Amino acid sequence: MLQPSDTRQVSLALRSGDIVTNEVAGKREASQEAEAQQWIETIVGERFQPGVSYEDALRDGVLLCKLMNKLQPGLITKINTSGGDYKLMDNLNQFQKACIKYGVPDVDLFQAVDLMERKNIAQVTNTIFAIGRTTYKHPEWRGPWLGPKPAEENKRSFTEEQLRAGETLIGLQAGTNKGATQAGQNFGATRKILLGK
């Protein structure tokens, strides 16, 4: 049986869960969602249904699966267009596997429950942007792209002689002993301290 103090702890726990949910919801950026939506619509060739929210349009995973098949045909063989939550969850799982095959880092993928339960839509948008970044690595893809082009590795190699020469230099980051100093500065009258008087 719950004591009065127990019910207080339960209500505090529930409220803290609401706070976390509100904080996650606060990370959503409408401009990024609009950009992601426009990118998906352009590639897939279908508009989101009017009056349907961003997360509800993506929730069944159909558009996301179509997106991956447009980026690389044949990545997803069967897209469930009807059925219960189990079928829709299967779409999201297939989408995530397709993302990994396409080269999207798995750390950039959202959890299926984030979208199904509308818990972390910001992460869903981040995943779409990660797909957009990954398209730059596919020379067969001619655009459109989403987000900035990722930096490419630029390896440098130095000879032993160049490395030794670099050790003798003092970089400007180490500071300098030239330029402005406080030597000779005197503000106001000097203060004479006489001991023993």
N, C-alpha and C. Protein backbone atom coordinates (compact mmCIF):
# COMPACT_ATOMS: atom_id res chain seq x y z
N MET A 1 0.84 -1.18 0.00
CA MET A 1 0.00 0.00 0.00
C MET A 1 0.89 1.24 0.00
N LEU A 2 0.52 2.23 -0.82
CA LEU A 2 1.29 3.46 -0.92
C LEU A 2 1.03 4.37 0.27
N GLN A 3 2.09 4.87 0.81
CA GLN A 3 2.00 5.87 1.87
C GLN A 3 1.94 7.25 1.22
N PRO A 4 1.46 8.28 1.94
CA PRO A 4 1.41 9.63 1.36
C PRO A 4 2.75 10.09 0.79
N SER A 5 3.85 9.74 1.45
CA SER A 5 5.16 10.15 0.95
C SER A 5 5.49 9.43 -0.36
N ASP A 6 5.02 8.17 -0.51
CA ASP A 6 5.26 7.42 -1.74
C ASP A 6 4.54 8.07 -2.93
N THR A 7 3.30 8.50 -2.73
CA THR A 7 2.56 9.11 -3.84
C THR A 7 3.20 10.42 -4.25
N ARG A 8 3.77 11.13 -3.28
CA ARG A 8 4.47 12.38 -3.60
C ARG A 8 5.68 12.08 -4.48
N GLN A 9 6.44 11.02 -4.15
CA GLN A 9 7.60 10.66 -4.95
C GLN A 9 7.19 10.23 -6.36
N VAL A 10 6.09 9.49 -6.46
CA VAL A 10 5.61 9.06 -7.77
C VAL A 10 5.22 10.27 -8.61
N SER A 11 4.50 11.23 -8.00
CA SER A 11 4.09 12.41 -8.77
C SER A 11 5.30 13.25 -9.18
N LEU A 12 6.32 13.31 -8.31
CA LEU A 12 7.54 14.04 -8.67
C LEU A 12 8.25 13.35 -9.83
N ALA A 13 8.27 12.01 -9.81
CA ALA A 13 8.90 11.27 -10.89
C ALA A 13 8.16 11.50 -12.20
N LEU A 14 6.85 11.51 -12.14
CA LEU A 14 6.07 11.75 -13.35
C LEU A 14 6.32 13.15 -13.88
N ARG A 15 6.37 14.12 -12.97
CA ARG A 15 6.63 15.49 -13.40
C ARG A 15 8.02 15.63 -14.00
N SER A 16 9.02 14.96 -13.43
CA SER A 16 10.37 15.06 -13.98
C SER A 16 10.41 14.43 -15.37
N GLY A 17 9.63 13.38 -15.61
CA GLY A 17 9.53 12.80 -16.94
C GLY A 17 8.93 13.79 -17.91
N ASP A 18 7.94 14.56 -17.46
CA ASP A 18 7.34 15.59 -18.31
C ASP A 18 8.37 16.67 -18.63
N ILE A 19 9.20 16.99 -17.65
CA ILE A 19 10.22 18.01 -17.86
C ILE A 19 11.20 17.54 -18.93
N VAL A 20 11.63 16.28 -18.85
CA VAL A 20 12.56 15.75 -19.84
C VAL A 20 11.91 15.76 -21.22
N THR A 21 10.65 15.35 -21.30
CA THR A 21 9.94 15.36 -22.58
C THR A 21 9.85 16.77 -23.12
N ASN A 22 9.57 17.73 -22.27
CA ASN A 22 9.48 19.12 -22.71
C ASN A 22 10.84 19.64 -23.18
N GLU A 23 11.92 19.23 -22.50
CA GLU A 23 13.26 19.66 -22.91
C GLU A 23 13.60 19.10 -24.28
N VAL A 24 13.27 17.82 -24.51
CA VAL A 24 13.53 17.21 -25.80
C VAL A 24 12.71 17.89 -26.88
N ALA A 25 11.44 18.17 -26.58
CA ALA A 25 10.57 18.85 -27.55
C ALA A 25 11.09 20.25 -27.83
N GLY A 26 11.72 20.87 -26.85
CA GLY A 26 12.25 22.22 -27.03
C GLY A 26 13.45 22.27 -27.97
N LYS A 27 14.08 21.13 -28.24
CA LYS A 27 15.24 21.09 -29.13
C LYS A 27 14.83 21.06 -30.60
N ARG A 28 13.57 20.95 -30.88
CA ARG A 28 13.09 20.91 -32.26
C ARG A 28 13.26 22.28 -32.90
N GLU A 29 13.65 22.27 -34.15
CA GLU A 29 13.79 23.51 -34.90
C GLU A 29 12.92 23.43 -36.14
N ALA A 30 11.93 24.29 -36.19
CA ALA A 30 10.96 24.28 -37.28
C ALA A 30 11.63 24.48 -38.64
N SER A 31 12.66 25.32 -38.69
CA SER A 31 13.33 25.58 -39.97
C SER A 31 14.03 24.32 -40.49
N GLN A 32 14.66 23.56 -39.59
CA GLN A 32 15.32 22.32 -40.00
C GLN A 32 14.29 21.29 -40.44
N GLU A 33 13.18 21.21 -39.72
CA GLU A 33 12.13 20.26 -40.09
C GLU A 33 11.57 20.62 -41.46
N ALA A 34 11.37 21.90 -41.72
CA ALA A 34 10.84 22.33 -43.02
C ALA A 34 11.83 22.01 -44.14
N GLU A 35 13.12 22.21 -43.87
CA GLU A 35 14.16 21.91 -44.86
C GLU A 35 14.21 20.40 -45.14
N ALA A 36 14.13 19.59 -44.08
CA ALA A 36 14.13 18.14 -44.24
C ALA A 36 12.89 17.69 -45.01
N GLN A 37 11.74 18.25 -44.68
CA GLN A 37 10.50 17.90 -45.36
C GLN A 37 10.59 18.23 -46.85
N GLN A 38 11.08 19.41 -47.17
CA GLN A 38 11.20 19.82 -48.58
C GLN A 38 12.15 18.89 -49.33
N TRP A 39 13.24 18.50 -48.69
CA TRP A 39 14.21 17.60 -49.31
C TRP A 39 13.58 16.25 -49.60
N ILE A 40 12.86 15.70 -48.62
CA ILE A 40 12.19 14.41 -48.80
C ILE A 40 11.16 14.50 -49.93
N GLU A 41 10.34 15.55 -49.90
CA GLU A 41 9.31 15.72 -50.93
C GLU A 41 9.93 15.81 -52.33
N THR A 42 11.05 16.51 -52.45
CA THR A 42 11.71 16.67 -53.75
C THR A 42 12.24 15.34 -54.26
N ILE A 43 12.87 14.57 -53.40
CA ILE A 43 13.47 13.31 -53.82
C ILE A 43 12.39 12.26 -54.09
N VAL A 44 11.46 12.11 -53.17
CA VAL A 44 10.43 11.07 -53.30
C VAL A 44 9.43 11.44 -54.40
N GLY A 45 9.20 12.73 -54.58
CA GLY A 45 8.23 13.16 -55.58
C GLY A 45 6.80 13.16 -55.06
N GLU A 46 6.66 13.15 -53.75
CA GLU A 46 5.34 13.18 -53.12
C GLU A 46 5.32 14.28 -52.07
N ARG A 47 4.21 14.95 -51.96
CA ARG A 47 4.02 15.97 -50.93
C ARG A 47 3.53 15.31 -49.65
N PHE A 48 3.90 15.88 -48.51
CA PHE A 48 3.30 15.46 -47.25
C PHE A 48 1.82 15.81 -47.32
N GLN A 49 0.99 14.99 -46.71
CA GLN A 49 -0.45 15.26 -46.75
C GLN A 49 -0.75 16.58 -46.05
N PRO A 50 -1.60 17.41 -46.66
CA PRO A 50 -1.96 18.69 -46.03
C PRO A 50 -2.65 18.46 -44.68
N GLY A 51 -2.31 19.28 -43.71
CA GLY A 51 -2.92 19.19 -42.39
C GLY A 51 -2.34 18.11 -41.50
N VAL A 52 -1.35 17.36 -42.01
CA VAL A 52 -0.71 16.30 -41.21
C VAL A 52 0.63 16.84 -40.74
N SER A 53 0.90 16.69 -39.45
CA SER A 53 2.15 17.21 -38.88
C SER A 53 3.35 16.46 -39.45
N TYR A 54 4.49 17.09 -39.33
CA TYR A 54 5.76 16.53 -39.80
C TYR A 54 5.97 15.12 -39.24
N GLU A 55 5.84 14.98 -37.92
CA GLU A 55 6.10 13.68 -37.30
C GLU A 55 5.06 12.64 -37.69
N ASP A 56 3.81 13.06 -37.87
CA ASP A 56 2.77 12.10 -38.26
C ASP A 56 2.95 11.64 -39.70
N ALA A 57 3.47 12.51 -40.55
CA ALA A 57 3.71 12.13 -41.95
C ALA A 57 4.83 11.10 -42.05
N LEU A 58 5.78 11.16 -41.13
CA LEU A 58 6.92 10.23 -41.15
C LEU A 58 6.69 8.99 -40.29
N ARG A 59 5.72 9.05 -39.41
CA ARG A 59 5.55 8.05 -38.36
C ARG A 59 5.42 6.62 -38.87
N ASP A 60 4.72 6.43 -39.99
CA ASP A 60 4.52 5.05 -40.48
C ASP A 60 5.75 4.51 -41.22
N GLY A 61 6.73 5.36 -41.48
CA GLY A 61 7.97 4.92 -42.11
C GLY A 61 7.91 4.77 -43.62
N VAL A 62 6.73 4.94 -44.21
CA VAL A 62 6.58 4.74 -45.66
C VAL A 62 7.43 5.75 -46.44
N LEU A 63 7.31 7.03 -46.11
CA LEU A 63 8.09 8.05 -46.83
C LEU A 63 9.59 7.86 -46.61
N LEU A 64 9.97 7.46 -45.42
CA LEU A 64 11.39 7.25 -45.13
C LEU A 64 11.94 6.08 -45.95
N CYS A 65 11.15 5.01 -46.08
CA CYS A 65 11.58 3.87 -46.89
C CYS A 65 11.66 4.25 -48.37
N LYS A 66 10.69 5.02 -48.84
CA LYS A 66 10.71 5.49 -50.23
C LYS A 66 11.93 6.37 -50.48
N LEU A 67 12.27 7.19 -49.51
CA LEU A 67 13.45 8.04 -49.62
C LEU A 67 14.70 7.20 -49.85
N MET A 68 14.88 6.18 -49.02
CA MET A 68 16.08 5.34 -49.15
C MET A 68 16.10 4.61 -50.48
N ASN A 69 14.94 4.17 -50.97
CA ASN A 69 14.88 3.49 -52.27
C ASN A 69 15.17 4.45 -53.42
N LYS A 70 14.86 5.73 -53.26
CA LYS A 70 15.20 6.71 -54.30
C LYS A 70 16.70 6.99 -54.29
N LEU A 71 17.28 7.04 -53.10
CA LEU A 71 18.72 7.30 -53.00
C LEU A 71 19.53 6.13 -53.56
N GLN A 72 19.09 4.92 -53.24
CA GLN A 72 19.76 3.72 -53.75
C GLN A 72 18.68 2.67 -53.99
N PRO A 73 18.26 2.51 -55.23
CA PRO A 73 17.17 1.59 -55.55
C PRO A 73 17.44 0.17 -55.04
N GLY A 74 16.39 -0.43 -54.48
CA GLY A 74 16.46 -1.80 -54.02
C GLY A 74 16.93 -1.98 -52.59
N LEU A 75 17.20 -0.90 -51.88
CA LEU A 75 17.64 -1.03 -50.48
C LEU A 75 16.57 -1.67 -49.62
N ILE A 76 15.31 -1.30 -49.86
CA ILE A 76 14.20 -1.85 -49.08
C ILE A 76 13.27 -2.54 -50.07
N THR A 77 13.08 -3.85 -49.88
CA THR A 77 12.31 -4.61 -50.86
C THR A 77 10.80 -4.53 -50.64
N LYS A 78 10.36 -4.46 -49.39
CA LYS A 78 8.92 -4.44 -49.12
C LYS A 78 8.61 -3.34 -48.12
N ILE A 79 7.71 -2.44 -48.53
CA ILE A 79 7.26 -1.36 -47.66
C ILE A 79 5.83 -1.65 -47.25
N ASN A 80 5.59 -1.72 -45.96
CA ASN A 80 4.23 -1.97 -45.44
C ASN A 80 3.45 -0.67 -45.47
N THR A 81 2.38 -0.63 -46.27
CA THR A 81 1.57 0.58 -46.36
C THR A 81 0.34 0.52 -45.48
N SER A 82 0.06 -0.63 -44.93
CA SER A 82 -1.08 -0.73 -44.01
C SER A 82 -0.75 -1.77 -42.95
N GLY A 83 -1.57 -1.80 -41.93
CA GLY A 83 -1.34 -2.73 -40.84
C GLY A 83 -1.22 -2.00 -39.53
N GLY A 84 -1.03 -2.75 -38.49
CA GLY A 84 -0.93 -2.16 -37.16
C GLY A 84 0.44 -1.59 -36.89
N ASP A 85 0.64 -1.25 -35.64
CA ASP A 85 1.92 -0.65 -35.23
C ASP A 85 3.10 -1.57 -35.50
N TYR A 86 2.86 -2.89 -35.44
CA TYR A 86 3.94 -3.84 -35.70
C TYR A 86 4.48 -3.68 -37.12
N LYS A 87 3.58 -3.55 -38.09
CA LYS A 87 3.98 -3.38 -39.50
C LYS A 87 4.71 -2.05 -39.69
N LEU A 88 4.21 -1.02 -39.02
CA LEU A 88 4.82 0.30 -39.15
C LEU A 88 6.21 0.30 -38.51
N MET A 89 6.33 -0.39 -37.38
CA MET A 89 7.63 -0.50 -36.72
C MET A 89 8.61 -1.26 -37.62
N ASP A 90 8.09 -2.23 -38.37
CA ASP A 90 8.93 -2.97 -39.31
C ASP A 90 9.48 -2.04 -40.39
N ASN A 91 8.66 -1.10 -40.87
CA ASN A 91 9.14 -0.11 -41.83
C ASN A 91 10.31 0.68 -41.26
N LEU A 92 10.16 1.12 -40.01
CA LEU A 92 11.22 1.92 -39.39
C LEU A 92 12.50 1.10 -39.21
N ASN A 93 12.35 -0.18 -38.85
CA ASN A 93 13.53 -1.04 -38.70
C ASN A 93 14.22 -1.26 -40.05
N GLN A 94 13.42 -1.46 -41.10
CA GLN A 94 14.00 -1.61 -42.45
C GLN A 94 14.71 -0.32 -42.88
N PHE A 95 14.09 0.80 -42.56
CA PHE A 95 14.70 2.10 -42.87
C PHE A 95 16.05 2.24 -42.20
N GLN A 96 16.14 1.87 -40.92
CA GLN A 96 17.40 2.00 -40.19
C GLN A 96 18.48 1.08 -40.77
N LYS A 97 18.09 -0.14 -41.13
CA LYS A 97 19.06 -1.06 -41.75
C LYS A 97 19.54 -0.50 -43.10
N ALA A 98 18.60 0.08 -43.86
CA ALA A 98 18.96 0.67 -45.15
C ALA A 98 19.92 1.85 -44.96
N CYS A 99 19.70 2.63 -43.92
CA CYS A 99 20.59 3.76 -43.63
C CYS A 99 22.01 3.28 -43.39
N ILE A 100 22.15 2.22 -42.61
CA ILE A 100 23.48 1.68 -42.31
C ILE A 100 24.13 1.15 -43.58
N LYS A 101 23.36 0.43 -44.42
CA LYS A 101 23.90 -0.06 -45.69
C LYS A 101 24.33 1.10 -46.59
N TYR A 102 23.62 2.19 -46.52
CA TYR A 102 23.92 3.36 -47.36
C TYR A 102 25.15 4.11 -46.86
N GLY A 103 25.52 3.87 -45.60
CA GLY A 103 26.73 4.50 -45.05
C GLY A 103 26.50 5.52 -43.97
N VAL A 104 25.26 5.64 -43.50
CA VAL A 104 24.97 6.58 -42.41
C VAL A 104 25.51 5.98 -41.12
N PRO A 105 26.31 6.71 -40.36
CA PRO A 105 26.82 6.17 -39.09
C PRO A 105 25.66 5.81 -38.15
N ASP A 106 25.75 4.66 -37.51
CA ASP A 106 24.65 4.22 -36.65
C ASP A 106 24.42 5.14 -35.46
N VAL A 107 25.41 5.92 -35.07
CA VAL A 107 25.21 6.87 -33.96
C VAL A 107 24.29 8.02 -34.36
N ASP A 108 24.10 8.22 -35.66
CA ASP A 108 23.22 9.29 -36.13
C ASP A 108 21.78 8.85 -36.30
N LEU A 109 21.49 7.57 -36.09
CA LEU A 109 20.14 7.06 -36.30
C LEU A 109 19.27 7.29 -35.07
N PHE A 110 18.00 7.59 -35.31
CA PHE A 110 17.05 7.70 -34.21
C PHE A 110 16.57 6.31 -33.81
N GLN A 111 16.05 6.20 -32.62
CA GLN A 111 15.42 4.95 -32.17
C GLN A 111 14.01 4.93 -32.73
N ALA A 112 13.53 3.76 -33.11
CA ALA A 112 12.19 3.66 -33.70
C ALA A 112 11.12 4.22 -32.77
N VAL A 113 11.28 4.02 -31.46
CA VAL A 113 10.28 4.54 -30.52
C VAL A 113 10.28 6.06 -30.47
N ASP A 114 11.40 6.69 -30.83
CA ASP A 114 11.44 8.16 -30.86
C ASP A 114 10.39 8.70 -31.81
N LEU A 115 10.20 8.02 -32.92
CA LEU A 115 9.22 8.47 -33.91
C LEU A 115 7.84 7.88 -33.63
N MET A 116 7.79 6.59 -33.31
CA MET A 116 6.49 5.94 -33.07
C MET A 116 5.73 6.61 -31.93
N GLU A 117 6.44 6.93 -30.87
CA GLU A 117 5.79 7.54 -29.70
C GLU A 117 5.97 9.06 -29.68
N ARG A 118 6.52 9.61 -30.74
CA ARG A 118 6.73 11.06 -30.88
C ARG A 118 7.54 11.64 -29.71
N LYS A 119 8.57 10.92 -29.29
CA LYS A 119 9.33 11.33 -28.11
C LYS A 119 10.50 12.25 -28.44
N ASN A 120 11.19 11.98 -29.55
CA ASN A 120 12.39 12.75 -29.86
C ASN A 120 12.44 13.03 -31.36
N ILE A 121 11.58 13.91 -31.80
CA ILE A 121 11.47 14.24 -33.22
C ILE A 121 12.72 14.99 -33.69
N ALA A 122 13.38 15.70 -32.79
CA ALA A 122 14.62 16.39 -33.17
C ALA A 122 15.66 15.38 -33.64
N GLN A 123 15.72 14.22 -33.01
CA GLN A 123 16.68 13.19 -33.43
C GLN A 123 16.29 12.61 -34.79
N VAL A 124 14.99 12.52 -35.06
CA VAL A 124 14.53 12.06 -36.37
C VAL A 124 15.04 13.02 -37.44
N THR A 125 14.91 14.31 -37.19
CA THR A 125 15.40 15.32 -38.14
C THR A 125 16.91 15.23 -38.28
N ASN A 126 17.62 15.00 -37.18
CA ASN A 126 19.08 14.85 -37.25
C ASN A 126 19.47 13.66 -38.13
N THR A 127 18.69 12.57 -38.05
CA THR A 127 18.95 11.40 -38.89
C THR A 127 18.78 11.74 -40.36
N ILE A 128 17.74 12.49 -40.67
CA ILE A 128 17.50 12.88 -42.07
C ILE A 128 18.66 13.75 -42.57
N PHE A 129 19.15 14.64 -41.73
CA PHE A 129 20.31 15.46 -42.12
C PHE A 129 21.56 14.59 -42.27
N ALA A 130 21.69 13.55 -41.46
CA ALA A 130 22.83 12.63 -41.59
C ALA A 130 22.76 11.89 -42.92
N ILE A 131 21.56 11.52 -43.34
CA ILE A 131 21.40 10.89 -44.66
C ILE A 131 21.82 11.88 -45.74
N GLY A 132 21.39 13.13 -45.58
CA GLY A 132 21.76 14.17 -46.54
C GLY A 132 23.26 14.34 -46.65
N ARG A 133 23.96 14.30 -45.52
CA ARG A 133 25.43 14.41 -45.55
C ARG A 133 26.05 13.20 -46.24
N THR A 134 25.45 12.04 -46.02
CA THR A 134 26.00 10.81 -46.58
C THR A 134 25.87 10.79 -48.10
N THR A 135 24.86 11.47 -48.65
CA THR A 135 24.70 11.49 -50.12
C THR A 135 25.92 12.07 -50.82
N TYR A 136 26.66 12.96 -50.15
CA TYR A 136 27.86 13.53 -50.75
C TYR A 136 28.92 12.46 -51.02
N LYS A 137 28.88 11.37 -50.28
CA LYS A 137 29.87 10.31 -50.44
C LYS A 137 29.51 9.34 -51.56
N HIS A 138 28.36 9.55 -52.18
CA HIS A 138 27.90 8.68 -53.26
C HIS A 138 28.00 9.43 -54.58
N PRO A 139 29.04 9.16 -55.37
CA PRO A 139 29.23 9.91 -56.62
C PRO A 139 28.09 9.70 -57.61
N GLU A 140 27.36 8.60 -57.49
CA GLU A 140 26.25 8.36 -58.41
C GLU A 140 25.05 9.27 -58.12
N TRP A 141 25.00 9.85 -56.92
CA TRP A 141 23.89 10.74 -56.56
C TRP A 141 24.19 12.13 -57.10
N ARG A 142 23.22 12.69 -57.83
CA ARG A 142 23.40 13.98 -58.47
C ARG A 142 22.62 15.10 -57.78
N GLY A 143 22.06 14.84 -56.64
CA GLY A 143 21.36 15.87 -55.88
C GLY A 143 19.86 15.73 -55.99
N PRO A 144 19.16 16.47 -55.22
CA PRO A 144 19.57 17.54 -54.32
C PRO A 144 20.22 16.99 -53.05
N TRP A 145 20.97 17.86 -52.40
CA TRP A 145 21.65 17.50 -51.16
C TRP A 145 21.01 18.22 -50.00
N LEU A 146 21.31 17.73 -48.82
CA LEU A 146 20.78 18.34 -47.60
C LEU A 146 21.94 18.54 -46.63
N GLY A 147 22.10 19.75 -46.16
CA GLY A 147 23.14 20.04 -45.18
C GLY A 147 24.49 20.26 -45.84
N PRO A 148 25.48 20.60 -45.02
CA PRO A 148 26.81 20.90 -45.55
C PRO A 148 27.56 19.64 -45.98
N LYS A 149 28.47 19.83 -46.92
CA LYS A 149 29.31 18.72 -47.36
C LYS A 149 30.29 18.39 -46.24
N PRO A 150 30.42 17.10 -45.91
CA PRO A 150 31.36 16.74 -44.83
C PRO A 150 32.81 17.01 -45.24
N ALA A 151 33.61 17.32 -44.27
CA ALA A 151 35.04 17.56 -44.53
C ALA A 151 35.70 16.26 -44.96
N GLU A 152 36.68 16.39 -45.83
CA GLU A 152 37.41 15.22 -46.30
C GLU A 152 38.76 15.17 -45.62
N GLU A 153 39.25 13.98 -45.43
CA GLU A 153 40.55 13.79 -44.79
C GLU A 153 41.64 14.36 -45.69
N ASN A 154 42.57 15.07 -45.09
CA ASN A 154 43.67 15.67 -45.84
C ASN A 154 44.97 15.31 -45.12
N LYS A 155 45.45 14.11 -45.38
CA LYS A 155 46.66 13.63 -44.70
C LYS A 155 47.89 14.36 -45.22
N ARG A 156 48.80 14.64 -44.31
CA ARG A 156 50.08 15.28 -44.65
C ARG A 156 51.20 14.34 -44.22
N SER A 157 52.26 14.33 -44.99
CA SER A 157 53.41 13.53 -44.58
C SER A 157 54.65 14.44 -44.61
N PHE A 158 55.45 14.31 -43.58
CA PHE A 158 56.65 15.13 -43.44
C PHE A 158 57.87 14.22 -43.35
N THR A 159 58.98 14.71 -43.87
CA THR A 159 60.23 13.97 -43.75
C THR A 159 60.79 14.20 -42.35
N GLU A 160 61.74 13.38 -41.98
CA GLU A 160 62.39 13.53 -40.67
C GLU A 160 63.07 14.90 -40.57
N GLU A 161 63.66 15.34 -41.67
CA GLU A 161 64.34 16.63 -41.69
C GLU A 161 63.35 17.77 -41.42
N GLN A 162 62.18 17.71 -42.03
CA GLN A 162 61.16 18.74 -41.82
C GLN A 162 60.67 18.73 -40.37
N LEU A 163 60.52 17.55 -39.80
CA LEU A 163 60.07 17.46 -38.40
C LEU A 163 61.11 18.05 -37.46
N ARG A 164 62.41 17.75 -37.70
CA ARG A 164 63.47 18.31 -36.84
C ARG A 164 63.54 19.82 -36.98
N ALA A 165 63.36 20.34 -38.18
CA ALA A 165 63.40 21.79 -38.40
C ALA A 165 62.24 22.46 -37.66
N GLY A 166 61.12 21.82 -37.59
CA GLY A 166 59.96 22.38 -36.90
C GLY A 166 60.14 22.44 -35.40
N GLU A 167 61.00 21.56 -34.85
CA GLU A 167 61.22 21.55 -33.40
C GLU A 167 62.01 22.77 -32.94
N THR A 168 62.78 23.37 -33.82
CA THR A 168 63.60 24.52 -33.43
C THR A 168 62.84 25.84 -33.46
N LEU A 169 61.70 25.86 -34.07
CA LEU A 169 60.91 27.09 -34.17
C LEU A 169 60.07 27.30 -32.93
N ILE A 170 59.97 28.54 -32.53
CA ILE A 170 59.06 28.89 -31.44
C ILE A 170 57.85 29.54 -32.09
N GLY A 171 56.74 28.90 -31.98
CA GLY A 171 55.54 29.43 -32.60
C GLY A 171 55.01 30.64 -31.86
N LEU A 172 54.22 31.43 -32.55
CA LEU A 172 53.64 32.61 -31.92
C LEU A 172 52.67 32.24 -30.80
N GLN A 173 52.21 31.00 -30.81
CA GLN A 173 51.30 30.57 -29.74
C GLN A 173 52.02 30.50 -28.40
N ALA A 174 53.34 30.39 -28.44
CA ALA A 174 54.11 30.32 -27.21
C ALA A 174 54.31 31.70 -26.60
N GLY A 175 53.93 32.74 -27.32
CA GLY A 175 54.09 34.10 -26.81
C GLY A 175 55.36 34.73 -27.34
N THR A 176 55.59 35.95 -26.96
CA THR A 176 56.77 36.67 -27.42
C THR A 176 57.27 37.57 -26.30
N ASN A 177 58.55 37.89 -26.34
CA ASN A 177 59.09 38.81 -25.34
C ASN A 177 59.31 40.18 -25.95
N LYS A 178 58.77 40.43 -27.11
CA LYS A 178 58.90 41.73 -27.76
C LYS A 178 57.54 42.41 -27.74
N GLY A 179 57.56 43.71 -27.90
CA GLY A 179 56.30 44.43 -27.96
C GLY A 179 56.02 45.14 -26.64
N ALA A 180 54.77 45.41 -26.38
CA ALA A 180 54.38 46.19 -25.20
C ALA A 180 54.64 45.42 -23.92
N THR A 181 55.26 46.10 -22.96
CA THR A 181 55.47 45.53 -21.63
C THR A 181 55.08 46.58 -20.60
N GLN A 182 55.13 46.21 -19.35
CA GLN A 182 54.80 47.16 -18.29
C GLN A 182 56.05 47.79 -17.69
N ALA A 183 57.18 47.54 -18.28
CA ALA A 183 58.43 48.09 -17.76
C ALA A 183 58.41 49.61 -17.82
N GLY A 184 58.76 50.26 -16.72
CA GLY A 184 58.85 51.70 -16.67
C GLY A 184 57.53 52.41 -16.47
N GLN A 185 56.46 51.67 -16.33
CA GLN A 185 55.17 52.34 -16.13
C GLN A 185 55.04 52.77 -14.68
N ASN A 186 54.46 53.95 -14.49
CA ASN A 186 54.26 54.47 -13.15
C ASN A 186 52.98 55.29 -13.17
N PHE A 187 51.97 54.82 -12.51
CA PHE A 187 50.70 55.55 -12.45
C PHE A 187 50.61 56.27 -11.13
N GLY A 188 50.37 57.56 -11.17
CA GLY A 188 50.20 58.32 -9.94
C GLY A 188 51.52 58.51 -9.21
N ALA A 189 51.43 59.03 -8.01
CA ALA A 189 52.62 59.28 -7.21
C ALA A 189 53.14 57.97 -6.65
N THR A 190 54.47 57.91 -6.46
CA THR A 190 55.05 56.71 -5.89
C THR A 190 54.75 56.67 -4.41
N ARG A 191 54.75 55.52 -3.86
CA ARG A 191 54.45 55.35 -2.45
C ARG A 191 55.74 54.99 -1.73
N LYS A 192 56.09 55.79 -0.80
CA LYS A 192 57.33 55.54 -0.05
C LYS A 192 56.97 54.80 1.23
N ILE A 193 57.62 53.69 1.42
CA ILE A 193 57.41 52.93 2.65
C ILE A 193 58.70 53.01 3.45
N LEU A 194 58.60 53.61 4.60
CA LEU A 194 59.78 53.76 5.45
C LEU A 194 59.59 52.88 6.67
N LEU A 195 60.47 51.95 6.84
CA LEU A 195 60.38 51.04 7.96
C LEU A 195 61.20 51.59 9.13
N GLY A 196 60.70 51.39 10.32
CA GLY A 196 61.42 51.76 11.52
C GLY A 196 61.23 53.20 11.92
N LYS A 197 60.41 53.95 11.34
CA LYS A 197 60.18 55.34 11.75
C LYS A 197 58.84 55.49 12.37
